[in-house]
Every structure is written in structure tokens, then in C-alpha cells.
Amino acid sequence: MSLIRAVLWDMDGTLVDSEEFHWESWRRAMASEGVVISHQQFLASFGQRNDSILSRWLGPAATPERVEQIAEAKEELYRQLIRRHGISPLPGVEYWLHRLQREGWRQAIASSAPRANIDVVLAALSATDIFQGIISAEEVKHGKPDPEVYLAAASRVGAPPERCVVVEDVAAGVEGARRAGMKSIGVSRIGAPLPADVAVRSLELLDADAFAQLLEGRSTAM
């Protein structure tokens, strides 16, 4: 069995609380197209790929060219907000990133976000040296709950699926981890706990050996 261990991190809502910046940038980008979206519509779309979101919001008007134009405008607005205001890691994130790094875990980002967004967030967190791999929206064809993004991230850092732990904040991400054959930690700050192997409201509340215990539990079950 491989001794390599890896943690695959979702980004939005898991590493950082980016909800307000995404809402503001989506609202402004859609308004410039003459489309009004509700906050409820936005929340229902959070964590999904832009092409899926815009296809639903625009309906028959969602031509590939228009989807690309709006998505690019939205993401540039989002990056401007982070550059202007900065962004902070969620509680417990900084501790676990550095602890896992010290313990020799490989770490990767497995996100539905564009690569440029990931780079801006990691720069704001001063965390660019933490991750051995990044998989972004441009590198996969299928969004979560399809397992493609996790399998690609695991391959990028050289870890077999059974030696990976996924950290997610939405049910689709947890389901994608399950389909990939990986253990998961679900962080649900509000609402019902996620159907993950371990569910917490904050990474600060994780047991001291939570990540290692998940893999040990898997190997014992085998």
C-alpha cells in the first residue's frame, strides 16, 4: 500500500468565506446584462461551475459566447474585490494547512473555480507554497458531484484515492468524494451537517488526529 497521504481541499466556503464577494460580483455582472438575480438563486448555485449556473439563469439566451463573456466579467469583478479588500482563512484552516504540511501530507486544491481565482486567493492567504497540486475549472469537463476533479487532484500529487481525504462544504462535493472512493470531512457552518465521513461546523472542532484516523479506519475496514 502506498504510504503517500493527501488532503484535497475545496476552496470557496472551505478555505475561505468568499460568499459575499461572489454574490456581489454575480449581482453586478448580471445587472450589466439586464438580468436581476435573487440572493436565493445565488445561494442555490454556490460551488457550481459558471457554465452550469448561467445556463440555468439565462435559459435559451445562454449562448456559449454570452456565457463566456458574463463569466469572465464576473470573475474579474471577484478578483478585484479580493485584491482591494483581501480575504482571510476560515477558522482552523491555517492551523491544519501547516500541521498537515509538517506531517508530510501532500495537499491539493480541487475546485470549481477558475485558476486565476485560485491564484489570487492563495496569494492573499500567503499559502502558495502549501499545495503540491491545483485542479481548477479549466482542467475538468464535469463539475461536482462528478468525481473527476478529485481524481485529477489525487493524480497530480501522486496519491491513490484510498489514501486521500477530501475537505468540502457542500453536499455535491461530499458526494463527489464518495464516488471517487475517498474519505471526506464536511464543514457546514450553517444548516444541517453534511453527509461526510466526519461532519463539523468548523475545522477548529476536528479531533487532533482526524485526518489520520480517517485513513486508518479505511485500511482497517479493508
C-alpha atoms as a PDB file:
ATOM      1  CA  MET A   1       0.000   0.000   0.000  1.00  0.00           C
ATOM      2  CA  SER A   2       1.214   3.478  -0.836  1.00  0.00           C
ATOM      3  CA  LEU A   3       2.498   5.473   2.111  1.00  0.00           C
ATOM      4  CA  ILE A   4       1.587   8.734   0.410  1.00  0.00           C
ATOM      5  CA  ARG A   5      -1.246  10.592   2.125  1.00  0.00           C
ATOM      6  CA  ALA A   6      -3.057  13.552   0.593  1.00  0.00           C
ATOM      7  CA  VAL A   7      -5.677  16.112   1.543  1.00  0.00           C
ATOM      8  CA  LEU A   8      -7.721  17.563  -1.312  1.00  0.00           C
ATOM      9  CA  TRP A   9      -9.242  20.925  -0.433  1.00  0.00           C
ATOM     10  CA  ASP A  10     -12.235  22.606  -1.937  1.00  0.00           C
ATOM     11  CA  MET A  11     -11.639  26.357  -1.808  1.00  0.00           C
ATOM     12  CA  ASP A  12     -14.777  28.520  -1.670  1.00  0.00           C
ATOM     13  CA  GLY A  13     -16.555  28.080   1.639  1.00  0.00           C
ATOM     14  CA  THR A  14     -13.904  25.637   2.856  1.00  0.00           C
ATOM     15  CA  LEU A  15     -10.590  27.505   2.890  1.00  0.00           C
ATOM     16  CA  VAL A  16     -12.144  30.966   2.722  1.00  0.00           C
ATOM     17  CA  ASP A  17     -15.537  32.586   3.210  1.00  0.00           C
ATOM     18  CA  SER A  18     -15.881  34.075  -0.258  1.00  0.00           C
ATOM     19  CA  GLU A  19     -19.677  34.087  -0.402  1.00  0.00           C
ATOM     20  CA  GLU A  20     -20.161  37.849  -0.143  1.00  0.00           C
ATOM     21  CA  PHE A  21     -17.589  38.606  -2.841  1.00  0.00           C
ATOM     22  CA  HIS A  22     -19.156  36.038  -5.181  1.00  0.00           C
ATOM     23  CA  TRP A  23     -22.643  37.428  -4.558  1.00  0.00           C
ATOM     24  CA  GLU A  24     -21.537  40.996  -5.227  1.00  0.00           C
ATOM     25  CA  SER A  25     -19.675  40.089  -8.415  1.00  0.00           C
ATOM     26  CA  TRP A  26     -22.503  37.913  -9.761  1.00  0.00           C
ATOM     27  CA  ARG A  27     -25.109  40.565  -8.959  1.00  0.00           C
ATOM     28  CA  ARG A  28     -23.148  43.272 -10.744  1.00  0.00           C
ATOM     29  CA  ALA A  29     -22.214  41.123 -13.750  1.00  0.00           C
ATOM     30  CA  MET A  30     -25.811  40.017 -14.302  1.00  0.00           C
ATOM     31  CA  ALA A  31     -27.193  43.532 -13.760  1.00  0.00           C
ATOM     32  CA  SER A  32     -24.917  44.819 -16.538  1.00  0.00           C
ATOM     33  CA  GLU A  33     -26.696  42.308 -18.805  1.00  0.00           C
ATOM     34  CA  GLY A  34     -30.111  43.491 -17.678  1.00  0.00           C
ATOM     35  CA  VAL A  35     -30.744  40.369 -15.587  1.00  0.00           C
ATOM     36  CA  VAL A  36     -31.741  40.576 -11.927  1.00  0.00           C
ATOM     37  CA  ILE A  37     -30.914  37.582  -9.734  1.00  0.00           C
ATOM     38  CA  SER A  38     -32.098  36.972  -6.197  1.00  0.00           C
ATOM     39  CA  HIS A  39     -29.833  36.111  -3.298  1.00  0.00           C
ATOM     40  CA  GLN A  40     -31.675  32.785  -3.056  1.00  0.00           C
ATOM     41  CA  GLN A  41     -30.823  31.984  -6.680  1.00  0.00           C
ATOM     42  CA  PHE A  42     -27.210  32.770  -5.940  1.00  0.00           C
ATOM     43  CA  LEU A  43     -27.085  30.575  -2.831  1.00  0.00           C
ATOM     44  CA  ALA A  44     -28.600  27.646  -4.727  1.00  0.00           C
ATOM     45  CA  SER A  45     -25.800  27.896  -7.293  1.00  0.00           C
ATOM     46  CA  PHE A  46     -22.852  28.255  -4.909  1.00  0.00           C
ATOM     47  CA  GLY A  47     -19.971  25.884  -5.650  1.00  0.00           C
ATOM     48  CA  GLN A  48     -21.137  25.028  -9.170  1.00  0.00           C
ATOM     49  CA  ARG A  49     -19.418  25.722 -12.466  1.00  0.00           C
ATOM     50  CA  ASN A  50     -20.159  29.024 -14.195  1.00  0.00           C
ATOM     51  CA  ASP A  51     -21.440  27.384 -17.375  1.00  0.00           C
ATOM     52  CA  SER A  52     -23.986  25.371 -15.369  1.00  0.00           C
ATOM     53  CA  ILE A  53     -25.072  28.429 -13.376  1.00  0.00           C
ATOM     54  CA  LEU A  54     -25.501  30.685 -16.392  1.00  0.00           C
ATOM     55  CA  SER A  55     -27.295  28.037 -18.463  1.00  0.00           C
ATOM     56  CA  ARG A  56     -29.931  27.874 -15.738  1.00  0.00           C
ATOM     57  CA  TRP A  57     -30.184  31.633 -15.194  1.00  0.00           C
ATOM     58  CA  LEU A  58     -30.244  32.633 -18.866  1.00  0.00           C
ATOM     59  CA  GLY A  59     -32.199  29.714 -20.322  1.00  0.00           C
ATOM     60  CA  PRO A  60     -32.375  29.815 -24.139  1.00  0.00           C
ATOM     61  CA  ALA A  61     -30.315  33.038 -24.159  1.00  0.00           C
ATOM     62  CA  ALA A  62     -27.282  31.147 -22.790  1.00  0.00           C
ATOM     63  CA  THR A  63     -25.215  31.005 -25.959  1.00  0.00           C
ATOM     64  CA  PRO A  64     -21.608  29.849 -25.468  1.00  0.00           C
ATOM     65  CA  GLU A  65     -20.343  33.330 -26.338  1.00  0.00           C
ATOM     66  CA  ARG A  66     -22.641  35.088 -23.877  1.00  0.00           C
ATOM     67  CA  VAL A  67     -21.890  32.598 -21.111  1.00  0.00           C
ATOM     68  CA  GLU A  68     -18.158  33.100 -21.579  1.00  0.00           C
ATOM     69  CA  GLN A  69     -18.483  36.900 -21.677  1.00  0.00           C
ATOM     70  CA  ILE A  70     -20.557  37.116 -18.478  1.00  0.00           C
ATOM     71  CA  ALA A  71     -18.440  34.552 -16.646  1.00  0.00           C
ATOM     72  CA  GLU A  72     -15.224  36.412 -17.458  1.00  0.00           C
ATOM     73  CA  ALA A  73     -16.713  39.729 -16.332  1.00  0.00           C
ATOM     74  CA  LYS A  74     -17.970  38.185 -13.093  1.00  0.00           C
ATOM     75  CA  GLU A  75     -14.651  36.553 -12.227  1.00  0.00           C
ATOM     76  CA  GLU A  76     -12.683  39.719 -12.912  1.00  0.00           C
ATOM     77  CA  LEU A  77     -15.001  41.628 -10.560  1.00  0.00           C
ATOM     78  CA  TYR A  78     -14.460  38.909  -7.939  1.00  0.00           C
ATOM     79  CA  ARG A  79     -10.673  39.113  -8.219  1.00  0.00           C
ATOM     80  CA  GLN A  80     -10.787  42.898  -7.963  1.00  0.00           C
ATOM     81  CA  LEU A  81     -12.739  42.621  -4.704  1.00  0.00           C
ATOM     82  CA  ILE A  82     -10.147  40.269  -3.204  1.00  0.00           C
ATOM     83  CA  ARG A  83      -7.231  42.439  -4.334  1.00  0.00           C
ATOM     84  CA  ARG A  84      -8.940  45.506  -2.876  1.00  0.00           C
ATOM     85  CA  HIS A  85     -10.210  44.058   0.406  1.00  0.00           C
ATOM     86  CA  GLY A  86      -8.152  40.913   0.989  1.00  0.00           C
ATOM     87  CA  ILE A  87      -9.621  37.651   2.254  1.00  0.00           C
ATOM     88  CA  SER A  88      -8.989  35.638   5.414  1.00  0.00           C
ATOM     89  CA  PRO A  89      -8.854  31.883   6.004  1.00  0.00           C
ATOM     90  CA  LEU A  90     -11.791  30.324   7.798  1.00  0.00           C
ATOM     91  CA  PRO A  91     -11.281  29.244  11.434  1.00  0.00           C
ATOM     92  CA  GLY A  92      -8.906  26.301  11.745  1.00  0.00           C
ATOM     93  CA  VAL A  93      -7.710  26.440   8.141  1.00  0.00           C
ATOM     94  CA  GLU A  94      -4.306  27.962   8.797  1.00  0.00           C
ATOM     95  CA  TYR A  95      -3.609  25.537  11.652  1.00  0.00           C
ATOM     96  CA  TRP A  96      -4.476  22.448   9.600  1.00  0.00           C
ATOM     97  CA  LEU A  97      -2.701  23.562   6.428  1.00  0.00           C
ATOM     98  CA  HIS A  98       0.569  23.986   8.283  1.00  0.00           C
ATOM     99  CA  ARG A  99       0.167  20.969  10.532  1.00  0.00           C
ATOM    100  CA  LEU A 100      -0.542  18.665   7.588  1.00  0.00           C
ATOM    101  CA  GLN A 101       2.424  20.150   5.754  1.00  0.00           C
ATOM    102  CA  ARG A 102       4.700  19.433   8.747  1.00  0.00           C
ATOM    103  CA  GLU A 103       3.409  15.875   8.959  1.00  0.00           C
ATOM    104  CA  GLY A 104       4.244  15.190   5.316  1.00  0.00           C
ATOM    105  CA  TRP A 105       0.772  15.104   3.813  1.00  0.00           C
ATOM    106  CA  ARG A 106       0.551  16.182   0.201  1.00  0.00           C
ATOM    107  CA  GLN A 107      -2.091  18.842  -0.346  1.00  0.00           C
ATOM    108  CA  ALA A 108      -4.005  19.947  -3.417  1.00  0.00           C
ATOM    109  CA  ILE A 109      -6.794  22.317  -4.361  1.00  0.00           C
ATOM    110  CA  ALA A 110      -9.737  20.623  -6.093  1.00  0.00           C
ATOM    111  CA  SER A 111     -12.047  23.479  -7.021  1.00  0.00           C
ATOM    112  CA  SER A 112     -14.764  24.500  -9.470  1.00  0.00           C
ATOM    113  CA  ALA A 113     -13.200  27.972  -9.543  1.00  0.00           C
ATOM    114  CA  PRO A 114     -11.123  29.329 -12.438  1.00  0.00           C
ATOM    115  CA  ARG A 115      -7.368  29.041 -11.973  1.00  0.00           C
ATOM    116  CA  ALA A 116      -6.916  32.826 -11.833  1.00  0.00           C
ATOM    117  CA  ASN A 117      -9.271  32.995  -8.843  1.00  0.00           C
ATOM    118  CA  ILE A 118      -7.396  30.254  -7.026  1.00  0.00           C
ATOM    119  CA  ASP A 119      -4.096  32.038  -7.579  1.00  0.00           C
ATOM    120  CA  VAL A 120      -5.491  35.332  -6.230  1.00  0.00           C
ATOM    121  CA  VAL A 121      -6.931  33.648  -3.120  1.00  0.00           C
ATOM    122  CA  LEU A 122      -3.754  31.686  -2.347  1.00  0.00           C
ATOM    123  CA  ALA A 123      -1.657  34.828  -2.778  1.00  0.00           C
ATOM    124  CA  ALA A 124      -3.967  36.698  -0.369  1.00  0.00           C
ATOM    125  CA  LEU A 125      -3.559  33.864   2.147  1.00  0.00           C
ATOM    126  CA  SER A 126       0.224  33.646   1.633  1.00  0.00           C
ATOM    127  CA  ALA A 127      -0.369  29.930   1.027  1.00  0.00           C
ATOM    128  CA  THR A 128       1.072  29.375  -2.442  1.00  0.00           C
ATOM    129  CA  ASP A 129       3.841  27.118  -1.106  1.00  0.00           C
ATOM    130  CA  ILE A 130       1.454  24.799   0.774  1.00  0.00           C
ATOM    131  CA  PHE A 131      -0.031  22.955  -2.196  1.00  0.00           C
ATOM    132  CA  GLN A 132       1.662  20.447  -4.464  1.00  0.00           C
ATOM    133  CA  GLY A 133      -1.202  20.449  -6.939  1.00  0.00           C
ATOM    134  CA  ILE A 134      -4.082  22.624  -8.153  1.00  0.00           C
ATOM    135  CA  ILE A 135      -7.006  21.453 -10.254  1.00  0.00           C
ATOM    136  CA  SER A 136      -9.321  24.231 -11.433  1.00  0.00           C
ATOM    137  CA  ALA A 137     -12.459  24.507 -13.564  1.00  0.00           C
ATOM    138  CA  GLU A 138     -10.439  24.694 -16.783  1.00  0.00           C
ATOM    139  CA  GLU A 139      -8.901  21.265 -16.222  1.00  0.00           C
ATOM    140  CA  VAL A 140     -12.050  19.168 -15.857  1.00  0.00           C
ATOM    141  CA  LYS A 141     -15.088  18.606 -18.063  1.00  0.00           C
ATOM    142  CA  HIS A 142     -17.564  17.673 -15.354  1.00  0.00           C
ATOM    143  CA  GLY A 143     -18.443  19.575 -12.187  1.00  0.00           C
ATOM    144  CA  LYS A 144     -19.142  18.109  -8.768  1.00  0.00           C
ATOM    145  CA  PRO A 145     -20.685  15.678  -7.817  1.00  0.00           C
ATOM    146  CA  ASP A 146     -18.765  14.062 -10.654  1.00  0.00           C
ATOM    147  CA  PRO A 147     -15.536  12.724  -9.086  1.00  0.00           C
ATOM    148  CA  GLU A 148     -13.310  13.970 -11.934  1.00  0.00           C
ATOM    149  CA  VAL A 149     -11.832  16.957 -10.065  1.00  0.00           C
ATOM    150  CA  TYR A 150     -10.800  14.802  -7.087  1.00  0.00           C
ATOM    151  CA  LEU A 151      -9.334  12.019  -9.175  1.00  0.00           C
ATOM    152  CA  ALA A 152      -7.361  14.600 -11.161  1.00  0.00           C
ATOM    153  CA  ALA A 153      -6.091  16.241  -7.966  1.00  0.00           C
ATOM    154  CA  ALA A 154      -5.075  12.887  -6.477  1.00  0.00           C
ATOM    155  CA  SER A 155      -3.215  12.001  -9.648  1.00  0.00           C
ATOM    156  CA  ARG A 156      -1.498  15.402  -9.650  1.00  0.00           C
ATOM    157  CA  VAL A 157       0.022  14.757  -6.206  1.00  0.00           C
ATOM    158  CA  GLY A 158       0.662  11.039  -6.800  1.00  0.00           C
ATOM    159  CA  ALA A 159      -1.774   9.681  -4.218  1.00  0.00           C
ATOM    160  CA  PRO A 160      -4.186   6.766  -4.738  1.00  0.00           C
ATOM    161  CA  PRO A 161      -7.851   7.579  -3.994  1.00  0.00           C
ATOM    162  CA  GLU A 162      -7.944   5.386  -0.889  1.00  0.00           C
ATOM    163  CA  ARG A 163      -5.141   7.491   0.611  1.00  0.00           C
ATOM    164  CA  CYS A 164      -6.941  10.817   0.104  1.00  0.00           C
ATOM    165  CA  VAL A 165      -9.154  12.875   2.394  1.00  0.00           C
ATOM    166  CA  VAL A 166     -11.413  15.491   0.797  1.00  0.00           C
ATOM    167  CA  VAL A 167     -12.458  18.633   2.703  1.00  0.00           C
ATOM    168  CA  GLU A 168     -15.721  20.100   1.408  1.00  0.00           C
ATOM    169  CA  ASP A 169     -18.540  22.437   2.399  1.00  0.00           C
ATOM    170  CA  VAL A 170     -21.348  21.350   0.051  1.00  0.00           C
ATOM    171  CA  ALA A 171     -23.235  18.091  -0.430  1.00  0.00           C
ATOM    172  CA  ALA A 172     -22.285  17.802  -4.109  1.00  0.00           C
ATOM    173  CA  GLY A 173     -18.611  17.899  -3.134  1.00  0.00           C
ATOM    174  CA  VAL A 174     -19.062  15.243  -0.460  1.00  0.00           C
ATOM    175  CA  GLU A 175     -20.888  13.029  -2.969  1.00  0.00           C
ATOM    176  CA  GLY A 176     -18.077  13.536  -5.474  1.00  0.00           C
ATOM    177  CA  ALA A 177     -15.553  12.397  -2.884  1.00  0.00           C
ATOM    178  CA  ARG A 178     -17.603   9.268  -2.204  1.00  0.00           C
ATOM    179  CA  ARG A 179     -17.781   8.473  -5.924  1.00  0.00           C
ATOM    180  CA  ALA A 180     -14.012   8.923  -6.128  1.00  0.00           C
ATOM    181  CA  GLY A 181     -13.522   6.337  -3.376  1.00  0.00           C
ATOM    182  CA  MET A 182     -12.177   8.910  -0.915  1.00  0.00           C
ATOM    183  CA  LYS A 183     -12.946   9.759   2.698  1.00  0.00           C
ATOM    184  CA  SER A 184     -14.402  13.194   3.400  1.00  0.00           C
ATOM    185  CA  ILE A 185     -14.639  15.884   6.031  1.00  0.00           C
ATOM    186  CA  GLY A 186     -17.687  18.097   5.651  1.00  0.00           C
ATOM    187  CA  VAL A 187     -17.610  21.626   7.067  1.00  0.00           C
ATOM    188  CA  SER A 188     -21.109  23.053   7.412  1.00  0.00           C
ATOM    189  CA  ARG A 189     -21.034  26.393   9.193  1.00  0.00           C
ATOM    190  CA  ILE A 190     -24.790  26.855   8.899  1.00  0.00           C
ATOM    191  CA  GLY A 191     -27.602  24.421   8.275  1.00  0.00           C
ATOM    192  CA  ALA A 192     -27.696  20.650   8.564  1.00  0.00           C
ATOM    193  CA  PRO A 193     -24.477  18.618   8.857  1.00  0.00           C
ATOM    194  CA  LEU A 194     -23.126  17.272   5.583  1.00  0.00           C
ATOM    195  CA  PRO A 195     -23.287  13.510   4.838  1.00  0.00           C
ATOM    196  CA  ALA A 196     -19.498  13.225   5.107  1.00  0.00           C
ATOM    197  CA  ASP A 197     -17.420  10.644   6.993  1.00  0.00           C
ATOM    198  CA  VAL A 198     -16.730  13.403   9.531  1.00  0.00           C
ATOM    199  CA  ALA A 199     -19.045  16.418   9.794  1.00  0.00           C
ATOM    200  CA  VAL A 200     -18.185  19.557  11.766  1.00  0.00           C
ATOM    201  CA  ARG A 201     -19.276  23.185  11.897  1.00  0.00           C
ATOM    202  CA  SER A 202     -15.670  24.384  11.921  1.00  0.00           C
ATOM    203  CA  LEU A 203     -12.265  22.864  11.255  1.00  0.00           C
ATOM    204  CA  GLU A 204     -11.341  24.122  14.706  1.00  0.00           C
ATOM    205  CA  LEU A 205     -13.605  21.415  16.124  1.00  0.00           C
ATOM    206  CA  LEU A 206     -11.848  18.480  14.442  1.00  0.00           C
ATOM    207  CA  ASP A 207     -10.264  15.826  16.642  1.00  0.00           C
ATOM    208  CA  ALA A 208      -6.486  16.112  16.927  1.00  0.00           C
ATOM    209  CA  ASP A 209      -5.865  13.119  14.603  1.00  0.00           C
ATOM    210  CA  ALA A 210      -8.981  13.416  12.453  1.00  0.00           C
ATOM    211  CA  PHE A 211      -7.242  13.104   9.094  1.00  0.00           C
ATOM    212  CA  ALA A 212      -5.035  10.161  10.072  1.00  0.00           C
ATOM    213  CA  GLN A 213      -7.964   8.378  11.739  1.00  0.00           C
ATOM    214  CA  LEU A 214      -9.987   8.500   8.535  1.00  0.00           C
ATOM    215  CA  LEU A 215      -7.295   6.707   6.557  1.00  0.00           C
ATOM    216  CA  GLU A 216      -6.593   4.227   9.326  1.00  0.00           C
ATOM    217  CA  GLY A 217     -10.278   3.437   9.516  1.00  0.00           C
ATOM    218  CA  ARG A 218     -10.374   2.779   5.784  1.00  0.00           C
ATOM    219  CA  SER A 219      -7.334   0.467   5.849  1.00  0.00           C
ATOM    220  CA  THR A 220      -8.745  -1.414   8.860  1.00  0.00           C
ATOM    221  CA  ALA A 221     -12.063  -1.938   7.055  1.00  0.00           C
ATOM    222  CA  MET A 222     -10.211  -3.363   4.068  1.00  0.00           C
END
